[in-house]
Amino acid sequence: MTEFKRIPPAQAQALREQGAVVVDVRDPQTFASSHIAGALHLDNHSLHSFITGADLDKPVVVVCYHGNSSQSAAAYLVGQGFSDVYSLDGGFELWRTTYPDETAQSAPQ
């Protein structure tokens, strides 16, 4: 795969069930208040360590608010050598209405 693919929540859920890594690029406070269960938060501080420690062939689903910023982040990951990258269409907002039981909150710091 040389480009990322845009996928709906149902396909993202299927990938999750098969072991895909879900990364969330929203701001830390929003991520902490609610995110896809098991998702990793990525920002400018954690991005490098994620890339250097990741399996570049493992599927990655990128999530943002509504599915726009995740496309840029997905394209960036493809450029860093990831071979199987997806952007969640509709973002977390569509996810939480589709799969309300598949969300989590981070413990307060």
PDB file of N, CA and C in Angstrom:
ATOM      1  N   MET A   1       0.849  -1.176   0.000  1.00  0.00           N
ATOM      2  CA  MET A   1       0.000   0.000   0.000  1.00  0.00           C
ATOM      3  C   MET A   1       0.891   1.234   0.000  1.00  0.00           C
ATOM      4  N   THR A   2       0.673   2.136  -0.934  1.00  0.00           N
ATOM      5  CA  THR A   2       1.478   3.346  -0.980  1.00  0.00           C
ATOM      6  C   THR A   2       0.713   4.550  -0.438  1.00  0.00           C
ATOM      7  N   GLU A   3      -0.583   4.409  -0.254  1.00  0.00           N
ATOM      8  CA  GLU A   3      -1.395   5.484   0.307  1.00  0.00           C
ATOM      9  C   GLU A   3      -2.280   4.900   1.387  1.00  0.00           C
ATOM     10  N   PHE A   4      -2.815   5.781   2.232  1.00  0.00           N
ATOM     11  CA  PHE A   4      -3.769   5.333   3.234  1.00  0.00           C
ATOM     12  C   PHE A   4      -5.148   5.194   2.595  1.00  0.00           C
ATOM     13  N   LYS A   5      -6.032   4.482   3.283  1.00  0.00           N
ATOM     14  CA  LYS A   5      -7.411   4.325   2.828  1.00  0.00           C
ATOM     15  C   LYS A   5      -8.341   4.954   3.856  1.00  0.00           C
ATOM     16  N   ARG A   6      -9.400   5.571   3.378  1.00  0.00           N
ATOM     17  CA  ARG A   6     -10.441   6.102   4.253  1.00  0.00           C
ATOM     18  C   ARG A   6     -11.468   4.998   4.474  1.00  0.00           C
ATOM     19  N   ILE A   7     -11.807   4.754   5.745  1.00  0.00           N
ATOM     20  CA  ILE A   7     -12.717   3.654   6.055  1.00  0.00           C
ATOM     21  C   ILE A   7     -13.807   4.101   7.033  1.00  0.00           C
ATOM     22  N   PRO A   8     -14.976   3.451   6.978  1.00  0.00           N
ATOM     23  CA  PRO A   8     -16.055   3.744   7.912  1.00  0.00           C
ATOM     24  C   PRO A   8     -15.817   3.035   9.251  1.00  0.00           C
ATOM     25  N   PRO A   9     -16.564   3.411  10.289  1.00  0.00           N
ATOM     26  CA  PRO A   9     -16.383   2.782  11.602  1.00  0.00           C
ATOM     27  C   PRO A   9     -16.482   1.254  11.592  1.00  0.00           C
ATOM     28  N   ALA A  10     -17.388   0.681  10.811  1.00  0.00           N
ATOM     29  CA  ALA A  10     -17.531  -0.786  10.804  1.00  0.00           C
ATOM     30  C   ALA A  10     -16.240  -1.460  10.345  1.00  0.00           C
ATOM     31  N   GLN A  11     -15.589  -0.902   9.345  1.00  0.00           N
ATOM     32  CA  GLN A  11     -14.334  -1.493   8.877  1.00  0.00           C
ATOM     33  C   GLN A  11     -13.223  -1.275   9.901  1.00  0.00           C
ATOM     34  N   ALA A  12     -13.231  -0.108  10.548  1.00  0.00           N
ATOM     35  CA  ALA A  12     -12.239   0.151  11.595  1.00  0.00           C
ATOM     36  C   ALA A  12     -12.417  -0.826  12.751  1.00  0.00           C
ATOM     37  N   GLN A  13     -13.652  -1.110  13.107  1.00  0.00           N
ATOM     38  CA  GLN A  13     -13.927  -2.062  14.184  1.00  0.00           C
ATOM     39  C   GLN A  13     -13.418  -3.453  13.801  1.00  0.00           C
ATOM     40  N   ALA A  14     -13.646  -3.856  12.564  1.00  0.00           N
ATOM     41  CA  ALA A  14     -13.161  -5.159  12.109  1.00  0.00           C
ATOM     42  C   ALA A  14     -11.631  -5.217  12.177  1.00  0.00           C
ATOM     43  N   LEU A  15     -10.967  -4.147  11.772  1.00  0.00           N
ATOM     44  CA  LEU A  15      -9.505  -4.104  11.849  1.00  0.00           C
ATOM     45  C   LEU A  15      -9.033  -4.163  13.301  1.00  0.00           C
ATOM     46  N   ARG A  16      -9.727  -3.445  14.190  1.00  0.00           N
ATOM     47  CA  ARG A  16      -9.398  -3.485  15.620  1.00  0.00           C
ATOM     48  C   ARG A  16      -9.460  -4.909  16.135  1.00  0.00           C
ATOM     49  N   GLU A  17     -10.515  -5.611  15.766  1.00  0.00           N
ATOM     50  CA  GLU A  17     -10.704  -6.984  16.230  1.00  0.00           C
ATOM     51  C   GLU A  17      -9.609  -7.910  15.700  1.00  0.00           C
ATOM     52  N   GLN A  18      -8.989  -7.522  14.593  1.00  0.00           N
ATOM     53  CA  GLN A  18      -7.900  -8.315  14.012  1.00  0.00           C
ATOM     54  C   GLN A  18      -6.526  -7.856  14.511  1.00  0.00           C
ATOM     55  N   GLY A  19      -6.502  -6.914  15.448  1.00  0.00           N
ATOM     56  CA  GLY A  19      -5.242  -6.496  16.050  1.00  0.00           C
ATOM     57  C   GLY A  19      -4.632  -5.219  15.522  1.00  0.00           C
ATOM     58  N   ALA A  20      -5.370  -4.449  14.733  1.00  0.00           N
ATOM     59  CA  ALA A  20      -4.834  -3.172  14.240  1.00  0.00           C
ATOM     60  C   ALA A  20      -4.570  -2.228  15.410  1.00  0.00           C
ATOM     61  N   VAL A  21      -3.588  -1.362  15.231  1.00  0.00           N
ATOM     62  CA  VAL A  21      -3.289  -0.323  16.205  1.00  0.00           C
ATOM     63  C   VAL A  21      -4.170   0.881  15.877  1.00  0.00           C
ATOM     64  N   VAL A  22      -4.853   1.415  16.891  1.00  0.00           N
ATOM     65  CA  VAL A  22      -5.667   2.616  16.707  1.00  0.00           C
ATOM     66  C   VAL A  22      -4.920   3.764  17.364  1.00  0.00           C
ATOM     67  N   VAL A  23      -4.658   4.821  16.588  1.00  0.00           N
ATOM     68  CA  VAL A  23      -3.987   6.001  17.128  1.00  0.00           C
ATOM     69  C   VAL A  23      -4.910   7.205  16.977  1.00  0.00           C
ATOM     70  N   ASP A  24      -4.966   8.001  18.021  1.00  0.00           N
ATOM     71  CA  ASP A  24      -5.853   9.155  18.103  1.00  0.00           C
ATOM     72  C   ASP A  24      -5.001  10.415  18.112  1.00  0.00           C
ATOM     73  N   VAL A  25      -5.267  11.338  17.184  1.00  0.00           N
ATOM     74  CA  VAL A  25      -4.444  12.546  17.058  1.00  0.00           C
ATOM     75  C   VAL A  25      -5.149  13.799  17.574  1.00  0.00           C
ATOM     76  N   ARG A  26      -6.242  13.613  18.319  1.00  0.00           N
ATOM     77  CA  ARG A  26      -6.921  14.776  18.903  1.00  0.00           C
ATOM     78  C   ARG A  26      -6.096  15.324  20.062  1.00  0.00           C
ATOM     79  N   ASP A  27      -6.489  16.465  20.604  1.00  0.00           N
ATOM     80  CA  ASP A  27      -5.717  17.064  21.693  1.00  0.00           C
ATOM     81  C   ASP A  27      -5.802  16.185  22.948  1.00  0.00           C
ATOM     82  N   PRO A  28      -4.800  16.289  23.844  1.00  0.00           N
ATOM     83  CA  PRO A  28      -4.726  15.395  25.003  1.00  0.00           C
ATOM     84  C   PRO A  28      -5.963  15.442  25.913  1.00  0.00           C
ATOM     85  N   GLN A  29      -6.520  16.618  26.142  1.00  0.00           N
ATOM     86  CA  GLN A  29      -7.673  16.725  27.030  1.00  0.00           C
ATOM     87  C   GLN A  29      -8.890  16.013  26.444  1.00  0.00           C
ATOM     88  N   THR A  30      -9.115  16.186  25.157  1.00  0.00           N
ATOM     89  CA  THR A  30     -10.250  15.547  24.507  1.00  0.00           C
ATOM     90  C   THR A  30     -10.058  14.034  24.493  1.00  0.00           C
ATOM     91  N   PHE A  31      -8.838  13.592  24.189  1.00  0.00           N
ATOM     92  CA  PHE A  31      -8.542  12.159  24.211  1.00  0.00           C
ATOM     93  C   PHE A  31      -8.811  11.590  25.596  1.00  0.00           C
ATOM     94  N   ALA A  32      -8.359  12.294  26.641  1.00  0.00           N
ATOM     95  CA  ALA A  32      -8.533  11.798  28.007  1.00  0.00           C
ATOM     96  C   ALA A  32     -10.004  11.676  28.382  1.00  0.00           C
ATOM     97  N   SER A  33     -10.833  12.593  27.875  1.00  0.00           N
ATOM     98  CA  SER A  33     -12.248  12.565  28.256  1.00  0.00           C
ATOM     99  C   SER A  33     -12.993  11.416  27.594  1.00  0.00           C
ATOM    100  N   SER A  34     -12.589  11.016  26.394  1.00  0.00           N
ATOM    101  CA  SER A  34     -13.226   9.882  25.726  1.00  0.00           C
ATOM    102  C   SER A  34     -12.470   9.546  24.449  1.00  0.00           C
ATOM    103  N   HIS A  35     -12.249   8.264  24.237  1.00  0.00           N
ATOM    104  CA  HIS A  35     -11.548   7.796  23.046  1.00  0.00           C
ATOM    105  C   HIS A  35     -11.938   6.347  22.765  1.00  0.00           C
ATOM    106  N   ILE A  36     -11.538   5.852  21.607  1.00  0.00           N
ATOM    107  CA  ILE A  36     -11.783   4.454  21.269  1.00  0.00           C
ATOM    108  C   ILE A  36     -10.992   3.593  22.241  1.00  0.00           C
ATOM    109  N   ALA A  37     -11.662   2.608  22.816  1.00  0.00           N
ATOM    110  CA  ALA A  37     -11.008   1.731  23.790  1.00  0.00           C
ATOM    111  C   ALA A  37      -9.750   1.119  23.179  1.00  0.00           C
ATOM    112  N   GLY A  38      -8.641   1.238  23.907  1.00  0.00           N
ATOM    113  CA  GLY A  38      -7.380   0.676  23.457  1.00  0.00           C
ATOM    114  C   GLY A  38      -6.567   1.571  22.549  1.00  0.00           C
ATOM    115  N   ALA A  39      -7.096   2.739  22.193  1.00  0.00           N
ATOM    116  CA  ALA A  39      -6.376   3.652  21.296  1.00  0.00           C
ATOM    117  C   ALA A  39      -5.166   4.261  21.990  1.00  0.00           C
ATOM    118  N   LEU A  40      -4.144   4.563  21.200  1.00  0.00           N
ATOM    119  CA  LEU A  40      -2.968   5.285  21.681  1.00  0.00           C
ATOM    120  C   LEU A  40      -3.125   6.745  21.299  1.00  0.00           C
ATOM    121  N   HIS A  41      -2.714   7.640  22.192  1.00  0.00           N
ATOM    122  CA  HIS A  41      -2.743   9.063  21.855  1.00  0.00           C
ATOM    123  C   HIS A  41      -1.410   9.433  21.230  1.00  0.00           C
ATOM    124  N   LEU A  42      -1.471  10.059  20.053  1.00  0.00           N
ATOM    125  CA  LEU A  42      -0.252  10.526  19.387  1.00  0.00           C
ATOM    126  C   LEU A  42      -0.276  12.031  19.282  1.00  0.00           C
ATOM    127  N   ASP A  43       0.838  12.638  19.646  1.00  0.00           N
ATOM    128  CA  ASP A  43       1.014  14.071  19.444  1.00  0.00           C
ATOM    129  C   ASP A  43       2.471  14.295  19.067  1.00  0.00           C
ATOM    130  N   ASN A  44       2.864  15.533  18.963  1.00  0.00           N
ATOM    131  CA  ASN A  44       4.240  15.828  18.542  1.00  0.00           C
ATOM    132  C   ASN A  44       5.285  15.242  19.487  1.00  0.00           C
ATOM    133  N   HIS A  45       4.908  15.038  20.761  1.00  0.00           N
ATOM    134  CA  HIS A  45       5.863  14.512  21.736  1.00  0.00           C
ATOM    135  C   HIS A  45       5.993  12.992  21.673  1.00  0.00           C
ATOM    136  N   SER A  46       4.923  12.296  21.334  1.00  0.00           N
ATOM    137  CA  SER A  46       4.947  10.830  21.346  1.00  0.00           C
ATOM    138  C   SER A  46       5.134  10.217  19.961  1.00  0.00           C
ATOM    139  N   LEU A  47       5.029  11.020  18.921  1.00  0.00           N
ATOM    140  CA  LEU A  47       5.063  10.508  17.556  1.00  0.00           C
ATOM    141  C   LEU A  47       6.358   9.770  17.233  1.00  0.00           C
ATOM    142  N   HIS A  48       7.503  10.363  17.559  1.00  0.00           N
ATOM    143  CA  HIS A  48       8.791   9.753  17.224  1.00  0.00           C
ATOM    144  C   HIS A  48       8.945   8.380  17.873  1.00  0.00           C
ATOM    145  N   SER A  49       8.632   8.279  19.164  1.00  0.00           N
ATOM    146  CA  SER A  49       8.793   6.983  19.834  1.00  0.00           C
ATOM    147  C   SER A  49       7.801   5.957  19.297  1.00  0.00           C
ATOM    148  N   PHE A  50       6.612   6.405  18.904  1.00  0.00           N
ATOM    149  CA  PHE A  50       5.654   5.480  18.296  1.00  0.00           C
ATOM    150  C   PHE A  50       6.217   4.931  16.986  1.00  0.00           C
ATOM    151  N   ILE A  51       6.725   5.817  16.142  1.00  0.00           N
ATOM    152  CA  ILE A  51       7.242   5.397  14.834  1.00  0.00           C
ATOM    153  C   ILE A  51       8.429   4.461  14.998  1.00  0.00           C
ATOM    154  N   THR A  52       9.357   4.795  15.873  1.00  0.00           N
ATOM    155  CA  THR A  52      10.563   3.973  16.012  1.00  0.00           C
ATOM    156  C   THR A  52      10.274   2.623  16.654  1.00  0.00           C
ATOM    157  N   GLY A  53       9.198   2.527  17.441  1.00  0.00           N
ATOM    158  CA  GLY A  53       8.894   1.263  18.106  1.00  0.00           C
ATOM    159  C   GLY A  53       7.816   0.440  17.437  1.00  0.00           C
ATOM    160  N   ALA A  54       7.255   0.927  16.354  1.00  0.00           N
ATOM    161  CA  ALA A  54       6.103   0.263  15.735  1.00  0.00           C
ATOM    162  C   ALA A  54       6.511  -0.797  14.721  1.00  0.00           C
ATOM    163  N   ASP A  55       5.614  -1.746  14.536  1.00  0.00           N
ATOM    164  CA  ASP A  55       5.712  -2.716  13.451  1.00  0.00           C
ATOM    165  C   ASP A  55       5.123  -2.023  12.229  1.00  0.00           C
ATOM    166  N   LEU A  56       5.947  -1.682  11.266  1.00  0.00           N
ATOM    167  CA  LEU A  56       5.507  -0.885  10.119  1.00  0.00           C
ATOM    168  C   LEU A  56       4.522  -1.623   9.215  1.00  0.00           C
ATOM    169  N   ASP A  57       4.413  -2.940   9.380  1.00  0.00           N
ATOM    170  CA  ASP A  57       3.492  -3.715   8.556  1.00  0.00           C
ATOM    171  C   ASP A  57       2.161  -4.003   9.248  1.00  0.00           C
ATOM    172  N   LYS A  58       2.042  -3.632  10.519  1.00  0.00           N
ATOM    173  CA  LYS A  58       0.802  -3.854  11.253  1.00  0.00           C
ATOM    174  C   LYS A  58      -0.199  -2.758  10.871  1.00  0.00           C
ATOM    175  N   PRO A  59      -1.457  -3.117  10.657  1.00  0.00           N
ATOM    176  CA  PRO A  59      -2.447  -2.087  10.294  1.00  0.00           C
ATOM    177  C   PRO A  59      -2.563  -1.008  11.373  1.00  0.00           C
ATOM    178  N   VAL A  60      -2.689   0.244  10.921  1.00  0.00           N
ATOM    179  CA  VAL A  60      -2.855   1.388  11.814  1.00  0.00           C
ATOM    180  C   VAL A  60      -4.086   2.161  11.362  1.00  0.00           C
ATOM    181  N   VAL A  61      -4.987   2.423  12.321  1.00  0.00           N
ATOM    182  CA  VAL A  61      -6.171   3.240  12.056  1.00  0.00           C
ATOM    183  C   VAL A  61      -5.978   4.567  12.769  1.00  0.00           C
ATOM    184  N   VAL A  62      -6.013   5.667  12.019  1.00  0.00           N
ATOM    185  CA  VAL A  62      -5.810   6.997  12.574  1.00  0.00           C
ATOM    186  C   VAL A  62      -7.173   7.665  12.776  1.00  0.00           C
ATOM    187  N   VAL A  63      -7.351   8.250  13.983  1.00  0.00           N
ATOM    188  CA  VAL A  63      -8.623   8.848  14.374  1.00  0.00           C
ATOM    189  C   VAL A  63      -8.404  10.297  14.783  1.00  0.00           C
ATOM    190  N   CYS A  64      -9.330  11.176  14.376  1.00  0.00           N
ATOM    191  CA  CYS A  64      -9.340  12.557  14.843  1.00  0.00           C
ATOM    192  C   CYS A  64     -10.780  12.893  15.228  1.00  0.00           C
ATOM    193  N   TYR A  65     -11.146  14.166  15.186  1.00  0.00           N
ATOM    194  CA  TYR A  65     -12.504  14.573  15.568  1.00  0.00           C
ATOM    195  C   TYR A  65     -13.549  14.121  14.545  1.00  0.00           C
ATOM    196  N   HIS A  66     -13.360  14.524  13.289  1.00  0.00           N
ATOM    197  CA  HIS A  66     -14.377  14.275  12.264  1.00  0.00           C
ATOM    198  C   HIS A  66     -13.851  13.582  11.014  1.00  0.00           C
ATOM    199  N   GLY A  67     -12.580  13.201  10.994  1.00  0.00           N
ATOM    200  CA  GLY A  67     -12.034  12.477   9.851  1.00  0.00           C
ATOM    201  C   GLY A  67     -11.227  13.322   8.893  1.00  0.00           C
ATOM    202  N   ASN A  68     -10.909  14.562   9.271  1.00  0.00           N
ATOM    203  CA  ASN A  68     -10.121  15.418   8.385  1.00  0.00           C
ATOM    204  C   ASN A  68      -8.632  15.407   8.749  1.00  0.00           C
ATOM    205  N   SER A  69      -8.302  15.744   9.989  1.00  0.00           N
ATOM    206  CA  SER A  69      -6.898  15.763  10.426  1.00  0.00           C
ATOM    207  C   SER A  69      -6.266  14.387  10.348  1.00  0.00           C
ATOM    208  N   SER A  70      -7.073  13.354  10.535  1.00  0.00           N
ATOM    209  CA  SER A  70      -6.527  11.998  10.494  1.00  0.00           C
ATOM    210  C   SER A  70      -5.978  11.664   9.112  1.00  0.00           C
ATOM    211  N   GLN A  71      -6.512  12.301   8.072  1.00  0.00           N
ATOM    212  CA  GLN A  71      -6.006  12.031   6.731  1.00  0.00           C
ATOM    213  C   GLN A  71      -4.570  12.532   6.581  1.00  0.00           C
ATOM    214  N   SER A  72      -4.288  13.708   7.114  1.00  0.00           N
ATOM    215  CA  SER A  72      -2.913  14.230   7.062  1.00  0.00           C
ATOM    216  C   SER A  72      -1.975  13.354   7.879  1.00  0.00           C
ATOM    217  N   ALA A  73      -2.433  12.943   9.060  1.00  0.00           N
ATOM    218  CA  ALA A  73      -1.603  12.095   9.914  1.00  0.00           C
ATOM    219  C   ALA A  73      -1.374  10.737   9.264  1.00  0.00           C
ATOM    220  N   ALA A  74      -2.403  10.187   8.631  1.00  0.00           N
ATOM    221  CA  ALA A  74      -2.267   8.895   7.951  1.00  0.00           C
ATOM    222  C   ALA A  74      -1.268   9.000   6.802  1.00  0.00           C
ATOM    223  N   ALA A  75      -1.359  10.073   6.033  1.00  0.00           N
ATOM    224  CA  ALA A  75      -0.416  10.280   4.927  1.00  0.00           C
ATOM    225  C   ALA A  75       1.012  10.391   5.462  1.00  0.00           C
ATOM    226  N   TYR A  76       1.182  11.062   6.596  1.00  0.00           N
ATOM    227  CA  TYR A  76       2.501  11.189   7.206  1.00  0.00           C
ATOM    228  C   TYR A  76       3.053   9.811   7.597  1.00  0.00           C
ATOM    229  N   LEU A  77       2.203   8.974   8.214  1.00  0.00           N
ATOM    230  CA  LEU A  77       2.658   7.642   8.617  1.00  0.00           C
ATOM    231  C   LEU A  77       3.047   6.796   7.406  1.00  0.00           C
ATOM    232  N   VAL A  78       2.300   6.913   6.323  1.00  0.00           N
ATOM    233  CA  VAL A  78       2.673   6.205   5.088  1.00  0.00           C
ATOM    234  C   VAL A  78       4.055   6.673   4.643  1.00  0.00           C
ATOM    235  N   GLY A  79       4.284   7.975   4.716  1.00  0.00           N
ATOM    236  CA  GLY A  79       5.581   8.535   4.339  1.00  0.00           C
ATOM    237  C   GLY A  79       6.715   8.087   5.239  1.00  0.00           C
ATOM    238  N   GLN A  80       6.377   7.651   6.452  1.00  0.00           N
ATOM    239  CA  GLN A  80       7.387   7.162   7.391  1.00  0.00           C
ATOM    240  C   GLN A  80       7.628   5.662   7.258  1.00  0.00           C
ATOM    241  N   GLY A  81       6.948   5.035   6.289  1.00  0.00           N
ATOM    242  CA  GLY A  81       7.211   3.630   6.023  1.00  0.00           C
ATOM    243  C   GLY A  81       6.127   2.656   6.448  1.00  0.00           C
ATOM    244  N   PHE A  82       5.051   3.150   7.066  1.00  0.00           N
ATOM    245  CA  PHE A  82       3.953   2.253   7.429  1.00  0.00           C
ATOM    246  C   PHE A  82       3.273   1.784   6.147  1.00  0.00           C
ATOM    247  N   SER A  83       2.950   0.490   6.098  1.00  0.00           N
ATOM    248  CA  SER A  83       2.451  -0.065   4.843  1.00  0.00           C
ATOM    249  C   SER A  83       0.938  -0.266   4.801  1.00  0.00           C
ATOM    250  N   ASP A  84       0.252  -0.172   5.945  1.00  0.00           N
ATOM    251  CA  ASP A  84      -1.169  -0.511   6.015  1.00  0.00           C
ATOM    252  C   ASP A  84      -1.877   0.500   6.913  1.00  0.00           C
ATOM    253  N   VAL A  85      -2.183   1.682   6.370  1.00  0.00           N
ATOM    254  CA  VAL A  85      -2.688   2.804   7.164  1.00  0.00           C
ATOM    255  C   VAL A  85      -4.089   3.199   6.707  1.00  0.00           C
ATOM    256  N   TYR A  86      -4.943   3.507   7.684  1.00  0.00           N
ATOM    257  CA  TYR A  86      -6.333   3.866   7.421  1.00  0.00           C
ATOM    258  C   TYR A  86      -6.694   5.130   8.195  1.00  0.00           C
ATOM    259  N   SER A  87      -7.566   5.933   7.609  1.00  0.00           N
ATOM    260  CA  SER A  87      -8.118   7.115   8.266  1.00  0.00           C
ATOM    261  C   SER A  87      -9.596   6.842   8.518  1.00  0.00           C
ATOM    262  N   LEU A  88     -10.048   7.056   9.751  1.00  0.00           N
ATOM    263  CA  LEU A  88     -11.438   6.787  10.113  1.00  0.00           C
ATOM    264  C   LEU A  88     -12.342   7.912   9.616  1.00  0.00           C
ATOM    265  N   ASP A  89     -13.159   7.607   8.612  1.00  0.00           N
ATOM    266  CA  ASP A  89     -14.138   8.586   8.115  1.00  0.00           C
ATOM    267  C   ASP A  89     -15.131   8.913   9.224  1.00  0.00           C
ATOM    268  N   GLY A  90     -15.414  10.190   9.397  1.00  0.00           N
ATOM    269  CA  GLY A  90     -16.350  10.605  10.437  1.00  0.00           C
ATOM    270  C   GLY A  90     -15.694  10.772  11.790  1.00  0.00           C
ATOM    271  N   GLY A  91     -14.459  10.315  11.909  1.00  0.00           N
ATOM    272  CA  GLY A  91     -13.683  10.489  13.126  1.00  0.00           C
ATOM    273  C   GLY A  91     -14.325   9.897  14.371  1.00  0.00           C
ATOM    274  N   PHE A  92     -13.843  10.366  15.518  1.00  0.00           N
ATOM    275  CA  PHE A  92     -14.347   9.854  16.789  1.00  0.00           C
ATOM    276  C   PHE A  92     -15.823  10.179  16.974  1.00  0.00           C
ATOM    277  N   GLU A  93     -16.258  11.308  16.442  1.00  0.00           N
ATOM    278  CA  GLU A  93     -17.659  11.684  16.612  1.00  0.00           C
ATOM    279  C   GLU A  93     -18.593  10.639  16.012  1.00  0.00           C
ATOM    280  N   LEU A  94     -18.283  10.149  14.818  1.00  0.00           N
ATOM    281  CA  LEU A  94     -19.109   9.105  14.219  1.00  0.00           C
ATOM    282  C   LEU A  94     -18.900   7.780  14.947  1.00  0.00           C
ATOM    283  N   TRP A  95     -17.667   7.503  15.359  1.00  0.00           N
ATOM    284  CA  TRP A  95     -17.380   6.262  16.084  1.00  0.00           C
ATOM    285  C   TRP A  95     -18.247   6.157  17.340  1.00  0.00           C
ATOM    286  N   ARG A  96     -18.275   7.219  18.149  1.00  0.00           N
ATOM    287  CA  ARG A  96     -18.973   7.101  19.433  1.00  0.00           C
ATOM    288  C   ARG A  96     -20.480   6.975  19.272  1.00  0.00           C
ATOM    289  N   THR A  97     -21.031   7.448  18.160  1.00  0.00           N
ATOM    290  CA  THR A  97     -22.459   7.222  17.942  1.00  0.00           C
ATOM    291  C   THR A  97     -22.705   5.825  17.374  1.00  0.00           C
ATOM    292  N   THR A  98     -21.725   5.270  16.677  1.00  0.00           N
ATOM    293  CA  THR A  98     -21.849   3.934  16.097  1.00  0.00           C
ATOM    294  C   THR A  98     -21.535   2.846  17.123  1.00  0.00           C
ATOM    295  N   TYR A  99     -20.489   3.054  17.916  1.00  0.00           N
ATOM    296  CA  TYR A  99     -20.025   2.071  18.909  1.00  0.00           C
ATOM    297  C   TYR A  99     -19.870   2.714  20.291  1.00  0.00           C
ATOM    298  N   PRO A 100     -20.972   3.154  20.903  1.00  0.00           N
ATOM    299  CA  PRO A 100     -20.856   3.836  22.208  1.00  0.00           C
ATOM    300  C   PRO A 100     -20.240   2.966  23.301  1.00  0.00           C
ATOM    301  N   ASP A 101     -20.353   1.661  23.197  1.00  0.00           N
ATOM    302  CA  ASP A 101     -19.786   0.775  24.209  1.00  0.00           C
ATOM    303  C   ASP A 101     -18.304   0.497  23.985  1.00  0.00           C
ATOM    304  N   GLU A 102     -17.749   1.005  22.896  1.00  0.00           N
ATOM    305  CA  GLU A 102     -16.337   0.767  22.569  1.00  0.00           C
ATOM    306  C   GLU A 102     -15.509   2.033  22.789  1.00  0.00           C
ATOM    307  N   THR A 103     -15.904   2.842  23.786  1.00  0.00           N
ATOM    308  CA  THR A 103     -15.141   4.041  24.125  1.00  0.00           C
ATOM    309  C   THR A 103     -14.634   3.913  25.556  1.00  0.00           C
ATOM    310  N   ALA A 104     -13.613   4.696  25.881  1.00  0.00           N
ATOM    311  CA  ALA A 104     -13.011   4.654  27.200  1.00  0.00           C
ATOM    312  C   ALA A 104     -12.593   6.056  27.610  1.00  0.00           C
ATOM    313  N   GLN A 105     -12.310   6.204  28.890  1.00  0.00           N
ATOM    314  CA  GLN A 105     -11.770   7.447  29.417  1.00  0.00           C
ATOM    315  C   GLN A 105     -10.426   7.146  30.052  1.00  0.00           C
ATOM    316  N   SER A 106      -9.519   8.125  29.996  1.00  0.00           N
ATOM    317  CA  SER A 106      -8.232   7.958  30.647  1.00  0.00           C
ATOM    318  C   SER A 106      -8.381   8.297  32.110  1.00  0.00           C
ATOM    319  N   ALA A 107      -7.588   7.635  32.925  1.00  0.00           N
ATOM    320  CA  ALA A 107      -7.593   7.940  34.358  1.00  0.00           C
ATOM    321  C   ALA A 107      -7.011   9.337  34.555  1.00  0.00           C
ATOM    322  N   PRO A 108      -7.550  10.097  35.516  1.00  0.00           N
ATOM    323  CA  PRO A 108      -7.017  11.439  35.762  1.00  0.00           C
ATOM    324  C   PRO A 108      -5.534  11.378  36.143  1.00  0.00           C
ATOM    325  N   GLN A 109      -4.790  12.346  35.672  1.00  0.00           N
ATOM    326  CA  GLN A 109      -3.351  12.396  35.955  1.00  0.00           C
ATOM    327  C   GLN A 109      -3.106  12.892  37.351  1.00  0.00           C
TER     328      GLN A 109
END
